[in-house]
Amino acid sequence: MASNTNNRLLVFLKDKRKKNYFKIFKEVIILWISRKEIPFYYFKHLYKKEITNYKDYLTTKECAKIQFNPDYHKSELVSIIANKLSFSLYCSNNNIPVPELISYNLSSNFFFNSKVYPCSNISDLRNFFNIVFEKSSHSTVFVKPLDSFGGNGCYKISKESLEDNLTEAANFILNNSCIHEEVVKQHEEINSIHPKCINTVRAETYIDKKGEVHLVSALMRFGVGNSYIDNSHAGGFFVSIDLDKGTLKEKGQTFMEFGGYDIYAHPDSGIKFKDFKIPYFKELCDLILKATSFIPDRYIGWDIAISNKGPVIIEANERTNVYGANIAYGGYRKHPLFKEILEETKKTNLKKSHHI
């Protein structure tokens, strides 16, 4: 955490895009007084000269109140979303497309084809995955912990690189509970931008007081280099999506701890983002609405991959990164739904709601 803070400070001090210090001081004071919160969030993005509508952005507390509002997140629904195994089984049972669940482990007990395989060391783990590869149609699995966040603890395990993969991942897998899923075959048009990882769409949904589902906003996250994780907290970046057109907007952004750069073309492929049409975008929107009807948590962040056959839900997030989407949108306060959303969250007690 301290390292991230230091990185952000260095980026801010060196950034030639920042407003003059008098203007920064003035805007910080205005936000401090009007929002009744020290606006540390200002230095993540709002200090830049291009941000003239700095008052349109949500504060850190406003985002947290959405994330932890008990009226938005019921325990019985959070229990489905937050546990990756429960989520996978529930979606599969309701014909919601998710990656195929191949095997999984609960601590040292590993499960495949309705059998239990106790594993206590790397040799046991090697034998287990050899059985999986031999008896299934898969030569690669994607492993992630049941409570993963930000891509932490995610590994690719392949038949051809099993020894190397286990050298890196065995200790984590043996000491945690994980699901082992198929690796989604990404749509060739998305591969043309970056083929090294599954680049996902993050879409936020909100259910209003009348029970109507709204697609609030969407962005697309891209990995860089050889990383097989697209998450912006893992060094990737995000590009906002035009919901009406189903296309990427012109500019992508990294988070401050990774430089806070503006990106107009993927650094590996050189493909520009502006007006790139996302394959199966209508189907993606329809899938999100369907999934929300089956899991009617009132504010969810959905991660969706695009395969050659259509969209596939990778996971849902009941504590979605509202502030990141707020940046991508250009300030959620100007969003027509947010007057109602903020009004509903005014009385949220953050200390109590953290125990949901």
Protein backbone atom coordinates (compact mmCIF):
# COMPACT_ATOMS: atom_id res chain seq x y z
CA MET A 1 0.00 0.00 0.00
CA ALA A 2 2.81 2.42 0.92
CA SER A 3 4.61 1.60 -2.33
CA ASN A 4 1.48 2.38 -4.37
CA THR A 5 1.05 5.70 -2.56
CA ASN A 6 4.68 6.62 -3.24
CA ASN A 7 4.30 5.71 -6.91
CA ARG A 8 1.21 7.90 -7.23
CA LEU A 9 2.99 10.83 -5.58
CA LEU A 10 5.96 10.52 -7.94
CA VAL A 11 3.66 10.35 -10.96
CA PHE A 12 1.80 13.46 -9.80
CA LEU A 13 4.99 15.46 -9.15
CA LYS A 14 6.52 14.56 -12.53
CA ASP A 15 3.33 14.79 -14.59
CA LYS A 16 3.51 17.64 -17.11
CA ARG A 17 -0.24 17.36 -17.69
CA LYS A 18 -1.14 18.74 -14.27
CA LYS A 19 -2.86 22.06 -13.71
CA ASN A 20 -0.93 24.88 -12.09
CA TYR A 21 -0.58 24.55 -8.32
CA PHE A 22 -2.83 27.52 -7.56
CA LYS A 23 -5.68 25.92 -9.56
CA ILE A 24 -5.06 22.55 -7.92
CA PHE A 25 -5.15 24.14 -4.44
CA LYS A 26 -8.36 26.00 -5.27
CA GLU A 27 -10.14 22.92 -6.63
CA VAL A 28 -9.05 20.76 -3.69
CA ILE A 29 -10.44 23.31 -1.22
CA ILE A 30 -13.73 23.55 -3.14
CA LEU A 31 -14.13 19.75 -3.12
CA TRP A 32 -13.11 19.50 0.53
CA ILE A 33 -15.75 22.00 1.59
CA SER A 34 -18.56 20.89 -0.74
CA ARG A 35 -18.12 17.13 -0.33
CA LYS A 36 -17.09 17.20 3.36
CA GLU A 37 -14.22 14.81 2.64
CA ILE A 38 -10.48 15.37 2.18
CA PRO A 39 -10.23 14.80 -1.60
CA PHE A 40 -7.19 12.51 -1.79
CA TYR A 41 -8.90 10.98 -4.84
CA TYR A 42 -8.30 14.28 -6.69
CA PHE A 43 -4.64 13.31 -7.12
CA LYS A 44 -5.49 10.07 -8.92
CA HIS A 45 -6.87 11.79 -11.99
CA LEU A 46 -8.62 15.12 -11.44
CA TYR A 47 -5.44 17.19 -11.24
CA LYS A 48 -4.92 16.92 -15.03
CA LYS A 49 -5.48 19.99 -17.22
CA GLU A 50 -7.99 18.15 -19.40
CA ILE A 51 -10.35 17.54 -16.44
CA THR A 52 -12.46 20.67 -16.36
CA ASN A 53 -15.51 18.95 -14.83
CA TYR A 54 -13.76 17.83 -11.63
CA LYS A 55 -16.98 18.31 -9.63
CA ASP A 56 -18.69 15.54 -11.64
CA TYR A 57 -16.56 12.78 -10.12
CA LEU A 58 -17.63 10.70 -7.13
CA THR A 59 -15.64 10.88 -3.92
CA THR A 60 -13.93 7.90 -2.31
CA LYS A 61 -16.64 7.69 0.35
CA GLU A 62 -19.45 7.90 -2.19
CA CYS A 63 -17.95 4.97 -4.09
CA ALA A 64 -17.51 2.99 -0.87
CA LYS A 65 -21.13 3.62 0.09
CA ILE A 66 -22.23 2.07 -3.20
CA GLN A 67 -19.90 -0.89 -2.69
CA PHE A 68 -21.04 -1.55 0.88
CA ASN A 69 -24.65 -0.37 0.91
CA PRO A 70 -26.60 -3.20 2.64
CA ASP A 71 -29.70 -2.31 0.60
CA TYR A 72 -27.73 -3.02 -2.59
CA HIS A 73 -26.01 -6.20 -1.43
CA LYS A 74 -28.01 -8.95 0.28
CA SER A 75 -26.02 -11.67 2.03
CA GLU A 76 -27.79 -14.51 0.20
CA LEU A 77 -26.78 -13.01 -3.17
CA VAL A 78 -23.28 -12.00 -2.09
CA SER A 79 -22.68 -15.62 -1.03
CA ILE A 80 -23.26 -16.69 -4.67
CA ILE A 81 -21.17 -13.92 -6.22
CA ALA A 82 -18.21 -13.83 -3.85
CA ASN A 83 -17.45 -17.55 -3.94
CA LYS A 84 -16.12 -18.47 -7.39
CA LEU A 85 -17.14 -22.11 -7.02
CA SER A 86 -20.71 -21.24 -6.03
CA PHE A 87 -20.91 -18.71 -8.86
CA SER A 88 -19.69 -21.17 -11.48
CA LEU A 89 -22.07 -23.94 -10.38
CA TYR A 90 -25.05 -21.58 -10.07
CA CYS A 91 -24.52 -20.04 -13.51
CA SER A 92 -24.00 -23.40 -15.19
CA ASN A 93 -27.18 -24.72 -13.59
CA ASN A 94 -29.12 -21.76 -15.05
CA ASN A 95 -27.60 -21.91 -18.56
CA ILE A 96 -25.61 -18.71 -18.11
CA PRO A 97 -22.40 -19.11 -20.13
CA VAL A 98 -19.30 -19.29 -17.91
CA PRO A 99 -15.98 -21.11 -18.41
CA GLU A 100 -16.35 -24.85 -17.94
CA LEU A 101 -15.49 -25.96 -14.41
CA ILE A 102 -13.00 -28.80 -14.89
CA SER A 103 -11.86 -29.47 -11.33
CA TYR A 104 -11.37 -27.65 -8.05
CA ASN A 105 -9.80 -27.95 -4.62
CA LEU A 106 -10.94 -27.14 -1.11
CA SER A 107 -7.64 -26.81 0.70
CA SER A 108 -5.78 -30.14 0.30
CA ASN A 109 -8.76 -32.06 -1.10
CA PHE A 110 -8.87 -31.94 -4.91
CA PHE A 111 -12.00 -32.86 -6.87
CA PHE A 112 -12.34 -34.19 -10.41
CA ASN A 113 -15.08 -36.32 -11.99
CA SER A 114 -16.82 -36.78 -8.61
CA LYS A 115 -13.70 -38.21 -6.99
CA VAL A 116 -11.55 -36.81 -4.19
CA TYR A 117 -7.77 -36.69 -4.54
CA PRO A 118 -5.87 -35.69 -1.38
CA CYS A 119 -2.80 -33.63 -2.27
CA SER A 120 -0.20 -32.60 0.28
CA ASN A 121 2.84 -31.83 -1.87
CA ILE A 122 3.96 -30.91 -5.37
CA SER A 123 4.26 -34.57 -6.38
CA ASP A 124 0.61 -35.21 -5.47
CA LEU A 125 -0.39 -32.07 -7.35
CA ARG A 126 1.56 -33.17 -10.43
CA ASN A 127 -0.21 -36.52 -10.38
CA PHE A 128 -3.60 -34.86 -9.98
CA PHE A 129 -3.21 -32.54 -12.97
CA ASN A 130 -1.82 -35.38 -15.08
CA ILE A 131 -5.06 -37.28 -14.35
CA VAL A 132 -7.12 -34.21 -15.27
CA PHE A 133 -5.29 -33.75 -18.58
CA GLU A 134 -5.44 -37.45 -19.38
CA LYS A 135 -9.16 -37.92 -18.66
CA SER A 136 -10.53 -34.58 -19.89
CA SER A 137 -10.41 -32.88 -23.27
CA HIS A 138 -8.31 -30.04 -21.85
CA SER A 139 -4.57 -29.52 -21.94
CA THR A 140 -4.62 -26.24 -20.01
CA VAL A 141 -6.60 -25.03 -16.99
CA PHE A 142 -6.92 -21.59 -15.44
CA VAL A 143 -6.65 -21.68 -11.66
CA LYS A 144 -8.00 -18.94 -9.42
CA PRO A 145 -8.83 -18.82 -5.70
CA LEU A 146 -12.45 -18.92 -4.61
CA ASP A 147 -12.19 -15.39 -3.23
CA SER A 148 -9.80 -13.87 -5.79
CA PHE A 149 -9.55 -10.11 -6.27
CA GLY A 150 -7.55 -8.12 -8.80
CA GLY A 151 -6.08 -11.21 -10.45
CA ASN A 152 -4.22 -12.26 -7.30
CA GLY A 153 -3.43 -15.96 -7.14
CA CYS A 154 -4.37 -16.73 -10.75
CA TYR A 155 -2.28 -19.24 -12.68
CA LYS A 156 -2.31 -21.09 -15.98
CA ILE A 157 -1.44 -24.75 -15.64
CA SER A 158 -0.70 -26.55 -18.91
CA LYS A 159 0.18 -30.13 -19.75
CA GLU A 160 3.24 -29.19 -21.77
CA SER A 161 4.65 -26.81 -19.11
CA LEU A 162 3.43 -28.61 -16.01
CA GLU A 163 6.76 -28.70 -14.18
CA ASP A 164 7.48 -25.01 -14.69
CA ASN A 165 3.89 -24.00 -13.88
CA LEU A 166 3.85 -25.99 -10.64
CA THR A 167 7.21 -24.61 -9.56
CA GLU A 168 5.56 -21.20 -9.58
CA ALA A 169 2.04 -22.07 -8.45
CA ALA A 170 2.08 -25.26 -6.33
CA ASN A 171 2.62 -23.62 -2.95
CA PHE A 172 -0.29 -21.21 -3.46
CA ILE A 173 -2.69 -23.84 -4.82
CA LEU A 174 -1.92 -26.31 -2.03
CA ASN A 175 -2.56 -23.69 0.64
CA ASN A 176 -5.74 -22.21 -0.80
CA SER A 177 -9.11 -23.27 -2.20
CA CYS A 178 -9.33 -22.77 -5.97
CA ILE A 179 -11.40 -23.52 -9.03
CA HIS A 180 -9.75 -24.90 -12.18
CA GLU A 181 -11.55 -23.69 -15.30
CA GLU A 182 -11.17 -24.05 -19.02
CA VAL A 183 -9.15 -21.33 -20.73
CA VAL A 184 -11.59 -19.34 -22.85
CA LYS A 185 -10.64 -19.12 -26.52
CA GLN A 186 -10.76 -15.42 -27.16
CA HIS A 187 -12.39 -13.91 -30.25
CA GLU A 188 -9.88 -13.45 -33.06
CA GLU A 189 -10.65 -9.73 -33.36
CA ILE A 190 -9.85 -9.19 -29.68
CA ASN A 191 -6.73 -11.34 -30.15
CA SER A 192 -5.61 -8.93 -32.86
CA ILE A 193 -5.27 -6.27 -30.14
CA HIS A 194 -3.69 -8.46 -27.46
CA PRO A 195 -3.63 -12.29 -27.60
CA LYS A 196 -1.56 -13.05 -24.49
CA CYS A 197 -4.48 -12.86 -22.04
CA ILE A 198 -8.26 -12.79 -21.94
CA ASN A 199 -9.17 -9.11 -22.24
CA THR A 200 -12.48 -8.61 -20.49
CA VAL A 201 -15.33 -6.12 -20.55
CA ARG A 202 -16.22 -4.76 -17.09
CA ALA A 203 -19.87 -3.68 -17.10
CA GLU A 204 -21.76 -2.26 -14.11
CA THR A 205 -25.46 -2.92 -13.52
CA TYR A 206 -27.86 -1.16 -11.19
CA ILE A 207 -31.37 -2.22 -10.20
CA ASP A 208 -33.48 0.82 -9.40
CA LYS A 209 -36.18 1.13 -6.73
CA LYS A 210 -38.81 -0.07 -9.21
CA GLY A 211 -36.85 -3.24 -9.96
CA GLU A 212 -35.70 -2.20 -13.44
CA VAL A 213 -32.19 -3.29 -14.45
CA HIS A 214 -29.88 -0.65 -15.95
CA LEU A 215 -26.52 -1.08 -17.66
CA VAL A 216 -24.70 1.85 -16.05
CA SER A 217 -21.43 1.88 -17.99
CA ALA A 218 -18.78 -0.40 -19.47
CA LEU A 219 -15.07 -0.41 -20.09
CA MET A 220 -12.64 -2.93 -21.53
CA ARG A 221 -9.49 -4.04 -19.76
CA PHE A 222 -6.35 -5.08 -21.62
CA GLY A 223 -3.23 -6.84 -20.50
CA VAL A 224 0.25 -5.92 -21.68
CA GLY A 225 3.36 -7.93 -22.50
CA ASN A 226 3.24 -11.61 -21.58
CA SER A 227 0.92 -11.22 -18.61
CA TYR A 228 -2.11 -13.54 -18.75
CA ILE A 229 -4.09 -11.18 -16.49
CA ASP A 230 -5.84 -8.08 -17.86
CA ASN A 231 -6.59 -6.44 -14.52
CA SER A 232 -5.75 -2.74 -14.24
CA HIS A 233 -4.45 -3.36 -10.71
CA ALA A 234 -1.98 -5.86 -12.18
CA GLY A 235 -0.39 -3.39 -14.60
CA GLY A 236 -2.94 -3.47 -17.42
CA PHE A 237 -5.13 -0.59 -18.52
CA PHE A 238 -8.76 0.18 -19.37
CA VAL A 239 -10.61 1.82 -22.27
CA SER A 240 -14.13 3.22 -21.94
CA ILE A 241 -16.90 1.78 -24.14
CA ASP A 242 -19.57 3.71 -26.01
CA LEU A 243 -22.70 1.80 -24.99
CA ASP A 244 -24.79 3.11 -27.88
CA LYS A 245 -22.30 2.06 -30.55
CA GLY A 246 -20.65 -0.92 -28.86
CA THR A 247 -17.23 0.54 -29.68
CA LEU A 248 -14.12 1.48 -27.77
CA LYS A 249 -13.51 5.15 -27.18
CA GLU A 250 -10.31 6.86 -28.23
CA LYS A 251 -8.20 6.74 -25.09
CA GLY A 252 -7.15 4.12 -22.55
CA GLN A 253 -5.70 4.82 -19.11
CA THR A 254 -3.51 3.12 -16.53
CA PHE A 255 -3.94 3.60 -12.81
CA MET A 256 -1.64 6.07 -11.08
CA GLU A 257 0.58 3.43 -9.44
CA PHE A 258 1.45 2.24 -12.96
CA GLY A 259 2.21 5.69 -14.32
CA GLY A 260 -1.24 7.16 -14.99
CA TYR A 261 -0.56 7.12 -18.72
CA ASP A 262 -3.00 7.89 -21.52
CA ILE A 263 -2.88 5.18 -24.19
CA TYR A 264 -4.35 5.56 -27.68
CA ALA A 265 -3.11 2.28 -29.20
CA HIS A 266 -2.14 -1.02 -27.61
CA PRO A 267 1.59 -0.86 -26.79
CA ASP A 268 2.20 -4.40 -28.12
CA SER A 269 0.09 -4.57 -31.29
CA GLY A 270 -0.11 -0.86 -32.14
CA ILE A 271 -3.85 -1.17 -32.88
CA LYS A 272 -5.77 2.02 -32.12
CA PHE A 273 -8.81 1.85 -29.87
CA LYS A 274 -10.99 4.57 -31.36
CA ASP A 275 -14.18 3.11 -32.89
CA PHE A 276 -12.99 -0.51 -32.51
CA LYS A 277 -16.25 -2.50 -32.66
CA ILE A 278 -16.57 -5.07 -29.89
CA PRO A 279 -17.76 -8.42 -31.29
CA TYR A 280 -21.11 -9.72 -29.98
CA PHE A 281 -21.74 -6.51 -28.05
CA LYS A 282 -25.55 -6.74 -28.24
CA GLU A 283 -25.37 -10.35 -27.09
CA LEU A 284 -23.06 -9.24 -24.28
CA CYS A 285 -25.60 -6.67 -23.08
CA ASP A 286 -28.43 -9.21 -23.29
CA LEU A 287 -26.37 -11.72 -21.30
CA ILE A 288 -25.68 -9.18 -18.55
CA LEU A 289 -29.38 -8.42 -18.21
CA LYS A 290 -30.21 -12.13 -18.08
CA ALA A 291 -27.52 -12.81 -15.47
CA THR A 292 -28.73 -9.91 -13.34
CA SER A 293 -32.24 -11.34 -13.34
CA PHE A 294 -30.83 -14.59 -11.92
CA ILE A 295 -28.58 -12.77 -9.42
CA PRO A 296 -30.55 -9.60 -8.57
CA ASP A 297 -27.91 -7.93 -6.44
CA ARG A 298 -28.59 -4.26 -6.98
CA TYR A 299 -25.09 -3.09 -7.99
CA ILE A 300 -22.73 -5.54 -9.70
CA GLY A 301 -19.59 -5.33 -11.80
CA TRP A 302 -19.59 -8.08 -14.45
CA ASP A 303 -16.42 -9.35 -16.15
CA ILE A 304 -17.16 -10.76 -19.60
CA ALA A 305 -14.85 -12.38 -22.14
CA ILE A 306 -15.65 -12.52 -25.86
CA SER A 307 -15.14 -15.89 -27.53
CA ASN A 308 -15.67 -16.73 -31.20
CA LYS A 309 -19.07 -18.14 -30.17
CA GLY A 310 -20.18 -15.18 -28.06
CA PRO A 311 -19.80 -13.60 -24.61
CA VAL A 312 -18.80 -15.64 -21.55
CA ILE A 313 -19.10 -14.35 -17.99
CA ILE A 314 -15.80 -14.78 -16.18
CA GLU A 315 -17.03 -13.53 -12.82
CA ALA A 316 -19.21 -11.01 -11.00
CA ASN A 317 -18.08 -8.48 -8.42
CA GLU A 318 -20.39 -7.25 -5.67
CA ARG A 319 -17.64 -4.83 -4.53
CA THR A 320 -16.89 -3.56 -8.02
CA ASN A 321 -14.33 -0.79 -8.52
CA VAL A 322 -16.82 2.06 -8.79
CA TYR A 323 -14.12 4.73 -8.74
CA GLY A 324 -12.33 3.24 -11.76
CA ALA A 325 -15.58 3.12 -13.74
CA ASN A 326 -16.28 6.66 -12.56
CA ILE A 327 -12.98 7.77 -14.17
CA ALA A 328 -13.66 5.84 -17.37
CA TYR A 329 -17.14 7.37 -17.68
CA GLY A 330 -15.83 10.89 -17.18
CA GLY A 331 -17.56 11.58 -13.85
CA TYR A 332 -20.52 9.56 -12.61
CA ARG A 333 -22.29 12.62 -11.16
CA LYS A 334 -23.36 13.57 -14.67
CA HIS A 335 -24.83 10.10 -15.20
CA PRO A 336 -28.67 10.29 -15.17
CA LEU A 337 -28.96 7.40 -12.69
CA PHE A 338 -26.62 8.72 -10.06
CA LYS A 339 -28.92 11.26 -8.46
CA GLU A 340 -31.06 8.33 -7.32
CA ILE A 341 -28.08 6.10 -6.49
CA LEU A 342 -26.37 8.71 -4.32
CA GLU A 343 -29.62 9.59 -2.59
CA GLU A 344 -30.14 5.93 -1.66
CA THR A 345 -26.63 5.56 -0.24
CA LYS A 346 -26.59 8.72 1.90
CA LYS A 347 -27.43 6.89 5.11
CA THR A 348 -25.04 3.99 4.53
CA ASN A 349 -22.91 3.37 7.62
CA LEU A 350 -19.59 2.18 6.25
CA LYS A 351 -18.39 0.65 9.51
CA LYS A 352 -21.52 -1.47 9.90
CA SER A 353 -21.89 -2.35 6.23
CA HIS A 354 -18.36 -3.78 6.02
CA HIS A 355 -19.73 -6.78 7.93
CA ILE A 356 -22.15 -7.81 5.16
